[in-house]
Amino acid sequence: MEHLEIERKFLVLSDAYKTAARQKDRLVQGYLNTHPERTVRVRIMNDKAFITVKGPTNDAGTSRFEWEMNIPVEEATNLIDLCETGILEKYRYRVPVGNHIFEVDEFLGENKGLVVAEIELQHEDEKFTKPEWLGEEVTGNKAYYNSALTKKPFSQW
């Protein structure tokens, strides 16, 4: 499945999102390729697995091409063994706010302490409700890209 991914990313000020969360998943992901023009990610989420190819982001850091396909978990596990150094582990909370769903990632391991929220939009200037736990916007800040966190984890900042 391919589409243009339009999203904004924010730091999270408190754990108040947890009480509003409708779903919590555990994710493990690695990158087969982290070139700025294309990233290839392997992700295991609970009992499902995916391979994803993402193109370069636009200048604002809000949108880019994305292609994703389900793959067997066993194959994803084998591919993660081939990934570049720095496997990410995190909990993802799905939090409804207004007409949107925020995905809040609570990172584990070397990125423990980092919590970010992403919202996917239909168009770049779409309006959305900002909950009280939403902090500074970090959209376009490459240090917060998951692929960057595998190379320079939050604990090293």
Protein backbone atom coordinates (compact mmCIF):
# COMPACT_ATOMS: atom_id res chain seq x y z
CA MET A 1 0.00 0.00 0.00
CA GLU A 2 1.42 3.36 -0.95
CA HIS A 3 0.38 6.86 -0.04
CA LEU A 4 1.66 10.32 0.77
CA GLU A 5 2.27 10.46 4.51
CA ILE A 6 1.51 13.87 6.04
CA GLU A 7 2.27 14.10 9.74
CA ARG A 8 3.39 16.44 12.48
CA LYS A 9 5.45 15.48 15.50
CA PHE A 10 5.49 16.94 19.02
CA LEU A 11 7.20 16.36 22.34
CA VAL A 12 4.92 15.20 25.15
CA LEU A 13 4.74 17.14 28.44
CA SER A 14 3.16 14.55 30.76
CA ASP A 15 1.78 11.02 30.85
CA ALA A 16 -1.84 12.28 30.84
CA TYR A 17 -2.25 10.72 27.37
CA LYS A 18 -2.17 7.24 28.95
CA THR A 19 -5.62 7.57 30.54
CA ALA A 20 -7.16 8.57 27.18
CA ALA A 21 -5.34 5.89 25.16
CA ARG A 22 -7.54 3.34 23.39
CA GLN A 23 -4.74 0.98 22.44
CA LYS A 24 -1.17 0.19 23.52
CA ASP A 25 1.21 -1.78 21.31
CA ARG A 26 4.81 -2.89 21.69
CA LEU A 27 7.00 -2.20 18.65
CA VAL A 28 10.45 -3.41 17.68
CA GLN A 29 11.91 -1.93 14.53
CA GLY A 30 15.13 -1.71 12.62
CA TYR A 31 16.37 -0.14 9.41
CA LEU A 32 17.84 -1.99 6.46
CA ASN A 33 18.65 1.39 4.89
CA THR A 34 18.70 4.91 6.38
CA HIS A 35 19.76 6.91 3.31
CA PRO A 36 18.15 10.40 3.36
CA GLU A 37 16.50 9.76 -0.02
CA ARG A 38 14.97 6.45 1.11
CA THR A 39 14.60 4.50 4.32
CA VAL A 40 13.67 0.84 4.51
CA ARG A 41 12.21 -0.17 7.85
CA VAL A 42 11.26 -3.56 9.31
CA ARG A 43 8.74 -3.44 12.16
CA ILE A 44 7.18 -6.02 14.43
CA MET A 45 4.11 -4.76 16.27
CA ASN A 46 2.66 -7.29 18.69
CA ASP A 47 1.98 -10.30 16.46
CA LYS A 48 2.17 -8.53 13.06
CA ALA A 49 5.10 -7.43 10.94
CA PHE A 50 5.68 -4.92 8.14
CA ILE A 51 8.31 -3.74 5.73
CA THR A 52 8.11 -0.05 4.86
CA VAL A 53 9.90 2.13 2.30
CA LYS A 54 9.81 5.89 2.80
CA GLY A 55 11.01 8.56 0.39
CA PRO A 56 12.60 11.91 1.24
CA THR A 57 10.63 14.41 3.33
CA ASN A 58 9.57 17.75 1.91
CA ASP A 59 11.32 20.93 3.07
CA ALA A 60 8.88 21.42 5.97
CA GLY A 61 9.43 17.85 7.14
CA THR A 62 5.68 17.15 7.06
CA SER A 63 5.17 14.83 4.10
CA ARG A 64 6.80 12.03 2.14
CA PHE A 65 6.03 8.98 0.03
CA GLU A 66 5.40 5.79 2.00
CA TRP A 67 4.92 2.17 0.86
CA GLU A 68 4.17 -0.60 3.34
CA MET A 69 3.44 -4.32 3.16
CA ASN A 70 2.59 -6.97 5.74
CA ILE A 71 5.17 -9.75 6.03
CA PRO A 72 5.35 -12.85 8.25
CA VAL A 73 6.76 -12.19 11.74
CA GLU A 74 9.40 -14.90 11.25
CA GLU A 75 10.69 -13.13 8.12
CA ALA A 76 10.68 -9.78 9.93
CA THR A 77 12.70 -11.29 12.79
CA ASN A 78 15.26 -12.57 10.28
CA LEU A 79 15.39 -9.17 8.54
CA ILE A 80 15.88 -7.33 11.85
CA ASP A 81 19.03 -9.41 12.31
CA LEU A 82 20.30 -7.85 9.04
CA CYS A 83 19.43 -4.27 10.01
CA GLU A 84 21.87 -1.45 10.64
CA THR A 85 23.02 -1.00 14.23
CA GLY A 86 20.44 0.42 16.63
CA ILE A 87 17.16 -1.47 16.97
CA LEU A 88 14.32 0.68 18.37
CA GLU A 89 11.89 -0.56 20.98
CA LYS A 90 8.90 1.44 22.13
CA TYR A 91 5.33 1.40 23.32
CA ARG A 92 2.83 3.11 21.03
CA TYR A 93 -0.38 4.52 22.47
CA ARG A 94 -3.27 5.42 20.16
CA VAL A 95 -5.03 8.43 21.67
CA PRO A 96 -8.20 9.90 20.15
CA VAL A 97 -8.36 13.70 20.36
CA GLY A 98 -11.17 15.48 18.54
CA ASN A 99 -11.44 14.04 15.01
CA HIS A 100 -7.89 12.66 14.99
CA ILE A 101 -5.79 9.94 16.55
CA PHE A 102 -2.42 10.82 18.08
CA GLU A 103 0.16 8.06 18.13
CA VAL A 104 2.28 8.58 21.24
CA ASP A 105 5.60 6.72 21.29
CA GLU A 106 7.24 6.01 24.64
CA PHE A 107 10.75 4.88 23.77
CA LEU A 108 12.65 2.16 25.60
CA GLY A 109 16.30 1.12 25.80
CA GLU A 110 18.83 3.78 24.82
CA ASN A 111 15.97 6.16 23.96
CA LYS A 112 14.21 5.77 27.33
CA GLY A 113 12.85 9.10 28.54
CA LEU A 114 11.86 10.29 25.07
CA VAL A 115 8.12 10.52 24.43
CA VAL A 116 6.81 11.97 21.16
CA ALA A 117 3.35 12.28 19.64
CA GLU A 118 2.56 12.17 15.93
CA ILE A 119 -0.63 13.08 14.16
CA GLU A 120 -1.34 12.05 10.58
CA LEU A 121 -3.24 14.62 8.53
CA GLN A 122 -5.09 14.69 5.21
CA HIS A 123 -3.38 17.94 4.15
CA GLU A 124 -0.53 20.03 5.56
CA ASP A 125 -2.62 22.95 6.84
CA GLU A 126 -5.38 20.79 8.39
CA LYS A 127 -6.60 22.06 11.77
CA PHE A 128 -6.58 19.74 14.78
CA THR A 129 -7.21 19.90 18.52
CA LYS A 130 -4.07 20.12 20.65
CA PRO A 131 -4.41 18.30 23.97
CA GLU A 132 -2.90 19.78 27.16
CA TRP A 133 -0.12 17.15 27.21
CA LEU A 134 1.17 18.18 23.77
CA GLY A 135 4.41 20.14 23.93
CA GLU A 136 6.90 21.69 21.51
CA GLU A 137 6.54 20.82 17.84
CA VAL A 138 9.58 18.98 16.46
CA THR A 139 8.27 18.26 12.95
CA GLY A 140 11.19 18.35 10.54
CA ASN A 141 13.81 18.12 13.31
CA LYS A 142 15.85 15.21 12.00
CA ALA A 143 17.18 14.30 15.48
CA TYR A 144 13.68 13.01 16.32
CA TYR A 145 13.37 10.79 13.23
CA ASN A 146 13.24 7.15 14.28
CA SER A 147 16.03 6.34 11.84
CA ALA A 148 18.21 9.03 13.48
CA LEU A 149 17.45 7.69 16.97
CA THR A 150 19.04 4.37 15.95
CA LYS A 151 22.34 6.21 15.22
CA LYS A 152 22.29 8.79 18.03
CA PRO A 153 19.95 7.65 20.79
CA PHE A 154 18.26 10.09 23.16
CA SER A 155 20.54 8.93 26.02
CA GLN A 156 23.53 10.38 24.11
CA TRP A 157 22.09 13.89 23.63
